[in-house]
Structure formats: structure tokens, C-alpha cells
Amino acid sequence: MSTPRPSGLIATSGIELLTFGTPNGHKISILLEELKAAYGKPYVCQSINIAENIQKEPWFTALSPNGRIPAIVDHDRGDFSVFEGAAILAYLVRHYDPEHRFSFEDPDDASRVEQWVAWQHGGLGPMQGQANHFYRLAKERIPYPTQRYVGESERLYGILDTQLTNRDFIVGPGRGKYSIADIACFSWMNWAYFAGVDLSRFKNVEAWTKRIEERPAVKKGVNVPGAPRVTNEKYAVMVKGEGEFAEFAEGEKKLKDLAEKAKEQYGYKYASP
């Protein structure tokens, strides 16, 4: 049974999440699941199918002027709306993480979290998003932007890999503490293969992603608003090429070959930072 096409808000209390199953969407659904598990904070979700351009409709752009998911409406604070993933993460921990389980009370560590969320929002997300397009989705395979954006994504993965040396999480004393910095970056790096990035090249990042994906709230969050078709975990199954995935594995090899040829054509050499 299909769900009705969203046409407005449906809740009167708690957080209402307007989202879709993308890395930017998963940033917020993961945090909301963490807040629900930690504090019992309720939320409801509406699936905004971006292929149907629901995010461009006037009722949605009144809440999210940029016409992009995700957005939230806080019905417990006068129906206050927030758009842009980095701003939503900051808003939610500011108002609903009193014990700083996913944030920091120390002002310096709070600043470090802001820096890494900004790094994801301004660097990793846009660059990997372009890699997603030119590596996998573009109707015409164009070598220059393919190697440019896959290469820049790899450079950014290398930066985080260095940050995670002898650390479990991105920010915090000692080996660090799980926070919205990890949630923001994980949500994109959980789609590494989709952008043509070989996660196994970045051992610290690879171990960190596996550490995070085992969290119960993360498992729930990446299934909001529905089971994801694109994650590293799914890829590990599909790339084996067994049964129904034989065609996928064959196509994946062709994509990788095209990307490598594009790198050779333009003399790409990995370097980070």
C-alpha cells in the first residue's frame, strides 16, 4: 500500500522530519534516533521523494527555502523550522542533548565539532556529491570531472584518515567521543563506493565506519524513511556478483576501469592534504 504524497505538516508535537534516503538525510535521522534512544525524544518522519520534486513545492520551500532535504519542524518550540543539515545537527544538540552525549560542553571541543561539521558540509558533501554524479549517474561519461571529483573525494578521505590516527572518534580528548561530527561525516562515507572511492585504502576511516555502523541507533537511522539501496554494507554483498547481483558486479568493474583510465588520461596522483 503506497503512502499519500506529502502536502503539508502532519504532526502537532515533537520533531517532524522531512527527509529522503540520502547521506544528508541520514545525518539527521541518525541523530534523531540517537536522541530518541538516549532521552526518549519523539519524532515523526515524512518521506520527501526528491525524484518527484516534492521539495520544490511551496509548502516545503516555506520551511526549507533552498528546496532541499532535510528539514525539521520543532512542534515543541512554536513550530520552529530548520533547514540545512549542519544547522539542524547544531539545533538538535543545542536544545535536546542536555547531557552532551553527542556534543561537547568544553568550548574548545565544541569548536572542533563545528569545524569538522563545516568541513563535511562545505567540502566532503559537495565534492562526493559531484563524484556520485560524474562517476555513476551522468548519462555521458566525461573523463575530466570524473577524475577531478573522485580524486578530490579521495583527498578528503585522506584528511579524515589522518585525523583518526590512534583515535576512535573525530573529536574529544584521548581517543575521542562519538558526536555529531562523526554522524555528519559517517553519513557520507557510508556511501563511499557509490562515488568510486575504495574505502579499504583508508584503514582508519574504514575501521571508524564499522565502529559507527554497529550502533543500534545508526542502524535504525539509515533505514529512515526506508531501507537504503546504497550503503557500503549493501555494496559488500552486491559486488560479490552472486545470483541476482551478477550484472551489478560486471557494471561495477566497468565503472572502475573508466575511472582509472580518466585518472591516467589527466595524470592524476593521489595526495592528501
C-alpha atoms as a PDB file:
ATOM      1  CA  MET A   1       0.000   0.000   0.000  1.00  0.00           C
ATOM      2  CA  SER A   2       1.510   3.322  -1.084  1.00  0.00           C
ATOM      3  CA  THR A   3       1.684   6.238   1.318  1.00  0.00           C
ATOM      4  CA  PRO A   4      -0.041   9.527   0.436  1.00  0.00           C
ATOM      5  CA  ARG A   5       2.081  12.160  -1.286  1.00  0.00           C
ATOM      6  CA  PRO A   6       3.161  14.685   1.381  1.00  0.00           C
ATOM      7  CA  SER A   7       1.417  18.025   1.039  1.00  0.00           C
ATOM      8  CA  GLY A   8       1.992  19.651   4.421  1.00  0.00           C
ATOM      9  CA  LEU A   9       2.895  19.001   8.029  1.00  0.00           C
ATOM     10  CA  ILE A  10       1.224  16.125   9.856  1.00  0.00           C
ATOM     11  CA  ALA A  11       2.395  16.388  13.488  1.00  0.00           C
ATOM     12  CA  THR A  12       1.485  18.696  16.354  1.00  0.00           C
ATOM     13  CA  SER A  13       4.193  17.764  18.861  1.00  0.00           C
ATOM     14  CA  GLY A  14       7.797  16.572  18.867  1.00  0.00           C
ATOM     15  CA  ILE A  15      10.137  16.892  15.906  1.00  0.00           C
ATOM     16  CA  GLU A  16       8.795  16.429  12.393  1.00  0.00           C
ATOM     17  CA  LEU A  17      11.477  15.313   9.948  1.00  0.00           C
ATOM     18  CA  LEU A  18      11.083  15.906   6.221  1.00  0.00           C
ATOM     19  CA  THR A  19      13.714  13.788   4.524  1.00  0.00           C
ATOM     20  CA  PHE A  20      14.753  11.187   1.974  1.00  0.00           C
ATOM     21  CA  GLY A  21      17.255   8.319   1.963  1.00  0.00           C
ATOM     22  CA  THR A  22      20.407  10.254   1.104  1.00  0.00           C
ATOM     23  CA  PRO A  23      23.591  10.994   3.083  1.00  0.00           C
ATOM     24  CA  ASN A  24      22.271  14.427   4.022  1.00  0.00           C
ATOM     25  CA  GLY A  25      19.003  12.872   5.112  1.00  0.00           C
ATOM     26  CA  HIS A  26      20.734  10.163   7.119  1.00  0.00           C
ATOM     27  CA  LYS A  27      22.697  12.733   9.127  1.00  0.00           C
ATOM     28  CA  ILE A  28      19.502  13.894  10.758  1.00  0.00           C
ATOM     29  CA  SER A  29      17.636  10.599  11.043  1.00  0.00           C
ATOM     30  CA  ILE A  30      20.655   9.044  12.786  1.00  0.00           C
ATOM     31  CA  LEU A  31      20.873  11.876  15.320  1.00  0.00           C
ATOM     32  CA  LEU A  32      17.116  11.776  15.932  1.00  0.00           C
ATOM     33  CA  GLU A  33      17.335   8.037  16.582  1.00  0.00           C
ATOM     34  CA  GLU A  34      20.239   8.660  18.976  1.00  0.00           C
ATOM     35  CA  LEU A  35      18.236  11.342  20.835  1.00  0.00           C
ATOM     36  CA  LYS A  36      15.233   9.040  20.958  1.00  0.00           C
ATOM     37  CA  ALA A  37      17.314   6.216  22.450  1.00  0.00           C
ATOM     38  CA  ALA A  38      19.152   8.480  24.900  1.00  0.00           C
ATOM     39  CA  TYR A  39      16.356  10.781  26.058  1.00  0.00           C
ATOM     40  CA  GLY A  40      13.109   9.438  24.635  1.00  0.00           C
ATOM     41  CA  LYS A  41      12.767  12.436  22.320  1.00  0.00           C
ATOM     42  CA  PRO A  42       9.957  11.616  19.850  1.00  0.00           C
ATOM     43  CA  TYR A  43       9.929  12.414  16.168  1.00  0.00           C
ATOM     44  CA  VAL A  44       7.818  11.635  13.140  1.00  0.00           C
ATOM     45  CA  CYS A  45       9.022  11.440   9.566  1.00  0.00           C
ATOM     46  CA  GLN A  46       7.628  12.212   6.159  1.00  0.00           C
ATOM     47  CA  SER A  47       9.374  10.846   3.077  1.00  0.00           C
ATOM     48  CA  ILE A  48      10.054  13.632   0.579  1.00  0.00           C
ATOM     49  CA  ASN A  49      10.733  11.839  -2.703  1.00  0.00           C
ATOM     50  CA  ILE A  50      13.220  14.140  -4.403  1.00  0.00           C
ATOM     51  CA  ALA A  51      12.637  12.393  -7.750  1.00  0.00           C
ATOM     52  CA  GLU A  52       9.086  13.751  -7.637  1.00  0.00           C
ATOM     53  CA  ASN A  53      10.260  17.298  -6.784  1.00  0.00           C
ATOM     54  CA  ILE A  54       8.150  17.478  -3.639  1.00  0.00           C
ATOM     55  CA  GLN A  55      10.971  19.526  -2.139  1.00  0.00           C
ATOM     56  CA  LYS A  56      10.228  22.271  -4.681  1.00  0.00           C
ATOM     57  CA  GLU A  57       6.582  22.702  -3.684  1.00  0.00           C
ATOM     58  CA  PRO A  58       5.604  25.951  -1.910  1.00  0.00           C
ATOM     59  CA  TRP A  59       4.630  24.296   1.370  1.00  0.00           C
ATOM     60  CA  PHE A  60       8.087  22.719   1.564  1.00  0.00           C
ATOM     61  CA  THR A  61      10.124  25.744   0.467  1.00  0.00           C
ATOM     62  CA  ALA A  62       8.313  27.794   3.115  1.00  0.00           C
ATOM     63  CA  LEU A  63      10.202  25.575   5.586  1.00  0.00           C
ATOM     64  CA  SER A  64      13.355  24.966   3.554  1.00  0.00           C
ATOM     65  CA  PRO A  65      13.929  27.936   1.196  1.00  0.00           C
ATOM     66  CA  ASN A  66      16.704  26.135  -0.698  1.00  0.00           C
ATOM     67  CA  GLY A  67      14.304  23.412  -1.818  1.00  0.00           C
ATOM     68  CA  ARG A  68      16.467  20.606  -0.475  1.00  0.00           C
ATOM     69  CA  ILE A  69      16.059  17.890   2.129  1.00  0.00           C
ATOM     70  CA  PRO A  70      16.349  17.522   5.045  1.00  0.00           C
ATOM     71  CA  ALA A  71      14.296  19.968   7.060  1.00  0.00           C
ATOM     72  CA  ILE A  72      12.773  19.729  10.512  1.00  0.00           C
ATOM     73  CA  VAL A  73       9.908  21.435  12.284  1.00  0.00           C
ATOM     74  CA  ASP A  74      10.062  21.560  16.074  1.00  0.00           C
ATOM     75  CA  HIS A  75       6.449  21.478  17.190  1.00  0.00           C
ATOM     76  CA  ASP A  76       7.548  21.737  20.826  1.00  0.00           C
ATOM     77  CA  ARG A  77       9.131  25.135  20.196  1.00  0.00           C
ATOM     78  CA  GLY A  78       6.412  27.033  18.389  1.00  0.00           C
ATOM     79  CA  ASP A  79       6.684  25.045  15.125  1.00  0.00           C
ATOM     80  CA  PHE A  80      10.192  26.411  14.593  1.00  0.00           C
ATOM     81  CA  SER A  81      11.656  25.152  11.303  1.00  0.00           C
ATOM     82  CA  VAL A  82      15.310  24.495  10.472  1.00  0.00           C
ATOM     83  CA  PHE A  83      16.877  23.693   7.102  1.00  0.00           C
ATOM     84  CA  GLU A  84      20.417  22.655   6.054  1.00  0.00           C
ATOM     85  CA  GLY A  85      21.929  19.569   7.664  1.00  0.00           C
ATOM     86  CA  ALA A  86      24.742  21.289   9.585  1.00  0.00           C
ATOM     87  CA  ALA A  87      22.307  23.772  11.106  1.00  0.00           C
ATOM     88  CA  ILE A  88      19.851  21.010  12.022  1.00  0.00           C
ATOM     89  CA  LEU A  89      22.547  18.984  13.793  1.00  0.00           C
ATOM     90  CA  ALA A  90      23.590  22.036  15.814  1.00  0.00           C
ATOM     91  CA  TYR A  91      19.984  22.928  16.661  1.00  0.00           C
ATOM     92  CA  LEU A  92      19.099  19.452  17.870  1.00  0.00           C
ATOM     93  CA  VAL A  93      22.047  19.055  20.230  1.00  0.00           C
ATOM     94  CA  ARG A  94      21.671  22.634  21.480  1.00  0.00           C
ATOM     95  CA  HIS A  95      18.089  22.026  22.580  1.00  0.00           C
ATOM     96  CA  TYR A  96      17.831  18.277  23.143  1.00  0.00           C
ATOM     97  CA  ASP A  97      21.232  16.952  24.266  1.00  0.00           C
ATOM     98  CA  PRO A  98      21.467  18.322  27.839  1.00  0.00           C
ATOM     99  CA  GLU A  99      23.957  15.653  28.918  1.00  0.00           C
ATOM    100  CA  HIS A 100      26.212  16.316  25.906  1.00  0.00           C
ATOM    101  CA  ARG A 101      26.156  12.708  24.803  1.00  0.00           C
ATOM    102  CA  PHE A 102      26.572  13.746  21.156  1.00  0.00           C
ATOM    103  CA  SER A 103      28.139  17.161  21.690  1.00  0.00           C
ATOM    104  CA  PHE A 104      30.660  18.841  23.987  1.00  0.00           C
ATOM    105  CA  GLU A 105      30.388  21.208  26.924  1.00  0.00           C
ATOM    106  CA  ASP A 106      34.043  22.219  26.647  1.00  0.00           C
ATOM    107  CA  PRO A 107      34.105  25.266  24.330  1.00  0.00           C
ATOM    108  CA  ASP A 108      37.250  24.183  22.507  1.00  0.00           C
ATOM    109  CA  ASP A 109      35.897  20.731  21.708  1.00  0.00           C
ATOM    110  CA  ALA A 110      32.570  22.332  20.782  1.00  0.00           C
ATOM    111  CA  SER A 111      34.504  24.465  18.294  1.00  0.00           C
ATOM    112  CA  ARG A 112      36.340  21.418  16.955  1.00  0.00           C
ATOM    113  CA  VAL A 113      32.998  19.737  16.309  1.00  0.00           C
ATOM    114  CA  GLU A 114      31.806  22.832  14.448  1.00  0.00           C
ATOM    115  CA  GLN A 115      34.974  22.766  12.343  1.00  0.00           C
ATOM    116  CA  TRP A 116      34.546  19.147  11.273  1.00  0.00           C
ATOM    117  CA  VAL A 117      30.835  19.561  10.583  1.00  0.00           C
ATOM    118  CA  ALA A 118      31.723  22.609   8.459  1.00  0.00           C
ATOM    119  CA  TRP A 119      34.404  20.523   6.700  1.00  0.00           C
ATOM    120  CA  GLN A 120      31.804  17.923   5.824  1.00  0.00           C
ATOM    121  CA  HIS A 121      29.176  20.480   4.855  1.00  0.00           C
ATOM    122  CA  GLY A 122      31.454  22.608   2.687  1.00  0.00           C
ATOM    123  CA  GLY A 123      33.920  20.011   1.388  1.00  0.00           C
ATOM    124  CA  LEU A 124      33.166  16.334   1.701  1.00  0.00           C
ATOM    125  CA  GLY A 125      29.467  16.532   0.866  1.00  0.00           C
ATOM    126  CA  PRO A 126      29.707  18.769  -2.224  1.00  0.00           C
ATOM    127  CA  MET A 127      32.767  17.007  -3.645  1.00  0.00           C
ATOM    128  CA  GLN A 128      31.476  13.492  -3.060  1.00  0.00           C
ATOM    129  CA  GLY A 129      28.092  14.545  -4.387  1.00  0.00           C
ATOM    130  CA  GLN A 130      29.742  15.573  -7.654  1.00  0.00           C
ATOM    131  CA  ALA A 131      31.715  12.320  -7.666  1.00  0.00           C
ATOM    132  CA  ASN A 132      28.440  10.431  -7.269  1.00  0.00           C
ATOM    133  CA  HIS A 133      27.096  12.193 -10.347  1.00  0.00           C
ATOM    134  CA  PHE A 134      30.038  12.021 -12.731  1.00  0.00           C
ATOM    135  CA  TYR A 135      31.304   8.593 -11.673  1.00  0.00           C
ATOM    136  CA  ARG A 136      27.976   6.786 -11.537  1.00  0.00           C
ATOM    137  CA  LEU A 137      24.941   8.767 -12.656  1.00  0.00           C
ATOM    138  CA  ALA A 138      25.850  11.026 -15.578  1.00  0.00           C
ATOM    139  CA  LYS A 139      24.343   9.950 -18.912  1.00  0.00           C
ATOM    140  CA  GLU A 140      27.585  10.885 -20.647  1.00  0.00           C
ATOM    141  CA  ARG A 141      30.860   9.618 -19.181  1.00  0.00           C
ATOM    142  CA  ILE A 142      33.226  12.593 -19.134  1.00  0.00           C
ATOM    143  CA  PRO A 143      36.791  11.758 -18.018  1.00  0.00           C
ATOM    144  CA  TYR A 144      37.909  15.129 -16.622  1.00  0.00           C
ATOM    145  CA  PRO A 145      35.190  15.741 -13.985  1.00  0.00           C
ATOM    146  CA  THR A 146      35.195  12.036 -13.134  1.00  0.00           C
ATOM    147  CA  GLN A 147      38.847  12.025 -12.087  1.00  0.00           C
ATOM    148  CA  ARG A 148      38.561  15.529 -10.639  1.00  0.00           C
ATOM    149  CA  TYR A 149      35.758  14.780  -8.189  1.00  0.00           C
ATOM    150  CA  VAL A 150      36.677  11.191  -7.361  1.00  0.00           C
ATOM    151  CA  GLY A 151      40.219  12.422  -6.720  1.00  0.00           C
ATOM    152  CA  GLU A 152      39.073  15.292  -4.515  1.00  0.00           C
ATOM    153  CA  SER A 153      36.859  12.889  -2.540  1.00  0.00           C
ATOM    154  CA  GLU A 154      39.877  10.644  -2.020  1.00  0.00           C
ATOM    155  CA  ARG A 155      41.915  13.627  -0.823  1.00  0.00           C
ATOM    156  CA  LEU A 156      39.239  14.438   1.754  1.00  0.00           C
ATOM    157  CA  TYR A 157      39.057  10.821   2.909  1.00  0.00           C
ATOM    158  CA  GLY A 158      42.800  11.018   3.442  1.00  0.00           C
ATOM    159  CA  ILE A 159      42.401  14.077   5.669  1.00  0.00           C
ATOM    160  CA  LEU A 160      39.940  12.294   7.933  1.00  0.00           C
ATOM    161  CA  ASP A 161      42.087   9.167   7.872  1.00  0.00           C
ATOM    162  CA  THR A 162      44.947  11.205   9.315  1.00  0.00           C
ATOM    163  CA  GLN A 163      42.678  12.779  11.935  1.00  0.00           C
ATOM    164  CA  LEU A 164      41.589   9.308  13.058  1.00  0.00           C
ATOM    165  CA  THR A 165      45.139   8.066  13.675  1.00  0.00           C
ATOM    166  CA  ASN A 166      45.079   6.423  17.119  1.00  0.00           C
ATOM    167  CA  ARG A 167      41.529   7.668  17.629  1.00  0.00           C
ATOM    168  CA  ASP A 168      38.104   6.048  17.779  1.00  0.00           C
ATOM    169  CA  PHE A 169      36.167   9.234  17.016  1.00  0.00           C
ATOM    170  CA  ILE A 170      36.891  12.571  15.379  1.00  0.00           C
ATOM    171  CA  VAL A 171      36.741  14.983  18.331  1.00  0.00           C
ATOM    172  CA  GLY A 172      37.430  14.747  22.056  1.00  0.00           C
ATOM    173  CA  PRO A 173      40.316  14.024  24.416  1.00  0.00           C
ATOM    174  CA  GLY A 174      42.199  10.759  24.222  1.00  0.00           C
ATOM    175  CA  ARG A 175      40.662   8.505  21.612  1.00  0.00           C
ATOM    176  CA  GLY A 176      37.720  10.850  21.219  1.00  0.00           C
ATOM    177  CA  LYS A 177      33.980  10.719  21.810  1.00  0.00           C
ATOM    178  CA  TYR A 178      31.150   9.976  19.404  1.00  0.00           C
ATOM    179  CA  SER A 179      29.466  13.221  18.375  1.00  0.00           C
ATOM    180  CA  ILE A 180      27.607  14.975  15.589  1.00  0.00           C
ATOM    181  CA  ALA A 181      30.975  15.390  13.847  1.00  0.00           C
ATOM    182  CA  ASP A 182      31.086  11.616  13.413  1.00  0.00           C
ATOM    183  CA  ILE A 183      27.435  11.438  12.379  1.00  0.00           C
ATOM    184  CA  ALA A 184      27.853  14.137   9.730  1.00  0.00           C
ATOM    185  CA  CYS A 185      30.930  12.544   8.153  1.00  0.00           C
ATOM    186  CA  PHE A 186      29.792   8.935   8.501  1.00  0.00           C
ATOM    187  CA  SER A 187      26.587   9.578   6.599  1.00  0.00           C
ATOM    188  CA  TRP A 188      28.595  10.464   3.506  1.00  0.00           C
ATOM    189  CA  MET A 189      31.405   7.971   3.923  1.00  0.00           C
ATOM    190  CA  ASN A 190      28.818   5.231   4.299  1.00  0.00           C
ATOM    191  CA  TRP A 191      28.275   5.752   0.545  1.00  0.00           C
ATOM    192  CA  ALA A 192      31.983   5.671  -0.388  1.00  0.00           C
ATOM    193  CA  TYR A 193      31.734   3.050  -3.126  1.00  0.00           C
ATOM    194  CA  PHE A 194      28.887   4.930  -4.855  1.00  0.00           C
ATOM    195  CA  ALA A 195      31.352   7.775  -5.515  1.00  0.00           C
ATOM    196  CA  GLY A 196      34.116   5.456  -6.722  1.00  0.00           C
ATOM    197  CA  VAL A 197      36.153   5.690  -3.513  1.00  0.00           C
ATOM    198  CA  ASP A 198      37.849   2.496  -2.335  1.00  0.00           C
ATOM    199  CA  LEU A 199      37.309   2.642   1.419  1.00  0.00           C
ATOM    200  CA  SER A 200      39.888  -0.097   2.053  1.00  0.00           C
ATOM    201  CA  ARG A 201      42.630   2.399   1.101  1.00  0.00           C
ATOM    202  CA  PHE A 202      41.791   4.410   4.214  1.00  0.00           C
ATOM    203  CA  LYS A 203      42.221   1.977   7.084  1.00  0.00           C
ATOM    204  CA  ASN A 204      41.410   4.366   9.926  1.00  0.00           C
ATOM    205  CA  VAL A 205      38.260   5.599   8.184  1.00  0.00           C
ATOM    206  CA  GLU A 206      37.227   2.051   7.336  1.00  0.00           C
ATOM    207  CA  ALA A 207      37.550   0.920  10.973  1.00  0.00           C
ATOM    208  CA  TRP A 208      35.720   4.040  12.158  1.00  0.00           C
ATOM    209  CA  THR A 209      32.783   3.476   9.787  1.00  0.00           C
ATOM    210  CA  LYS A 210      32.403  -0.091  11.003  1.00  0.00           C
ATOM    211  CA  ARG A 211      32.521   1.117  14.610  1.00  0.00           C
ATOM    212  CA  ILE A 212      29.740   3.596  13.976  1.00  0.00           C
ATOM    213  CA  GLU A 213      27.504   1.394  11.850  1.00  0.00           C
ATOM    214  CA  GLU A 214      27.230  -1.099  14.718  1.00  0.00           C
ATOM    215  CA  ARG A 215      25.396   1.431  16.893  1.00  0.00           C
ATOM    216  CA  PRO A 216      21.708   0.430  17.171  1.00  0.00           C
ATOM    217  CA  ALA A 217      20.503   3.988  16.565  1.00  0.00           C
ATOM    218  CA  VAL A 218      22.671   4.246  13.459  1.00  0.00           C
ATOM    219  CA  LYS A 219      21.206   1.018  12.087  1.00  0.00           C
ATOM    220  CA  LYS A 220      17.746   2.477  12.590  1.00  0.00           C
ATOM    221  CA  GLY A 221      18.661   5.909  11.289  1.00  0.00           C
ATOM    222  CA  VAL A 222      19.956   4.712   7.918  1.00  0.00           C
ATOM    223  CA  ASN A 223      16.632   2.940   7.392  1.00  0.00           C
ATOM    224  CA  VAL A 224      14.693   6.220   7.601  1.00  0.00           C
ATOM    225  CA  PRO A 225      12.495   6.861   5.698  1.00  0.00           C
ATOM    226  CA  GLY A 226      13.057   3.416   4.143  1.00  0.00           C
ATOM    227  CA  ALA A 227      15.654   0.699   3.681  1.00  0.00           C
ATOM    228  CA  PRO A 228      18.658   2.189   1.834  1.00  0.00           C
ATOM    229  CA  ARG A 229      19.688   0.856  -1.537  1.00  0.00           C
ATOM    230  CA  VAL A 230      23.111   2.457  -1.370  1.00  0.00           C
ATOM    231  CA  THR A 231      25.487   1.825   1.543  1.00  0.00           C
ATOM    232  CA  ASN A 232      28.908   0.249   1.885  1.00  0.00           C
ATOM    233  CA  GLU A 233      27.342  -2.693   3.712  1.00  0.00           C
ATOM    234  CA  LYS A 234      24.974  -3.344   0.796  1.00  0.00           C
ATOM    235  CA  TYR A 235      27.832  -2.948  -1.646  1.00  0.00           C
ATOM    236  CA  ALA A 236      29.902  -5.627   0.087  1.00  0.00           C
ATOM    237  CA  VAL A 237      27.113  -8.079  -0.696  1.00  0.00           C
ATOM    238  CA  MET A 238      26.341  -6.912  -4.233  1.00  0.00           C
ATOM    239  CA  VAL A 239      29.904  -6.665  -5.523  1.00  0.00           C
ATOM    240  CA  LYS A 240      30.417 -10.394  -4.973  1.00  0.00           C
ATOM    241  CA  GLY A 241      28.230 -10.823  -8.038  1.00  0.00           C
ATOM    242  CA  GLU A 242      26.325 -13.794  -6.732  1.00  0.00           C
ATOM    243  CA  GLY A 243      22.879 -14.628  -8.054  1.00  0.00           C
ATOM    244  CA  GLU A 244      20.829 -11.514  -8.803  1.00  0.00           C
ATOM    245  CA  PHE A 245      23.886  -9.281  -8.392  1.00  0.00           C
ATOM    246  CA  ALA A 246      25.944 -10.716 -11.271  1.00  0.00           C
ATOM    247  CA  GLU A 247      25.024  -7.828 -13.566  1.00  0.00           C
ATOM    248  CA  PHE A 248      25.804  -5.270 -10.860  1.00  0.00           C
ATOM    249  CA  ALA A 249      29.307  -6.675 -10.305  1.00  0.00           C
ATOM    250  CA  GLU A 250      30.020  -6.584 -14.014  1.00  0.00           C
ATOM    251  CA  GLY A 251      28.853  -2.979 -14.277  1.00  0.00           C
ATOM    252  CA  GLU A 252      30.916  -2.015 -11.238  1.00  0.00           C
ATOM    253  CA  LYS A 253      34.083  -3.312 -12.851  1.00  0.00           C
ATOM    254  CA  LYS A 254      33.401  -1.227 -15.963  1.00  0.00           C
ATOM    255  CA  LEU A 255      32.910   1.914 -13.864  1.00  0.00           C
ATOM    256  CA  LYS A 256      36.177   1.355 -12.025  1.00  0.00           C
ATOM    257  CA  ASP A 257      38.046   0.799 -15.288  1.00  0.00           C
ATOM    258  CA  LEU A 258      36.628   4.042 -16.716  1.00  0.00           C
ATOM    259  CA  ALA A 259      37.651   5.972 -13.608  1.00  0.00           C
ATOM    260  CA  GLU A 260      41.188   4.590 -13.698  1.00  0.00           C
ATOM    261  CA  LYS A 261      41.529   5.479 -17.381  1.00  0.00           C
ATOM    262  CA  ALA A 262      40.305   9.003 -16.620  1.00  0.00           C
ATOM    263  CA  LYS A 263      42.946   9.354 -13.894  1.00  0.00           C
ATOM    264  CA  GLU A 264      45.674   8.145 -16.260  1.00  0.00           C
ATOM    265  CA  GLN A 265      44.498  10.496 -19.026  1.00  0.00           C
ATOM    266  CA  TYR A 266      44.882  13.555 -16.798  1.00  0.00           C
ATOM    267  CA  GLY A 267      47.896  12.424 -14.777  1.00  0.00           C
ATOM    268  CA  TYR A 268      46.043  12.163 -11.505  1.00  0.00           C
ATOM    269  CA  LYS A 269      48.203  11.433  -8.471  1.00  0.00           C
ATOM    270  CA  TYR A 270      46.687  10.964  -5.036  1.00  0.00           C
ATOM    271  CA  ALA A 271      47.862  13.401  -2.401  1.00  0.00           C
ATOM    272  CA  SER A 272      46.431  14.488   0.941  1.00  0.00           C
ATOM    273  CA  PRO A 273      46.127  17.143   2.230  1.00  0.00           C
END
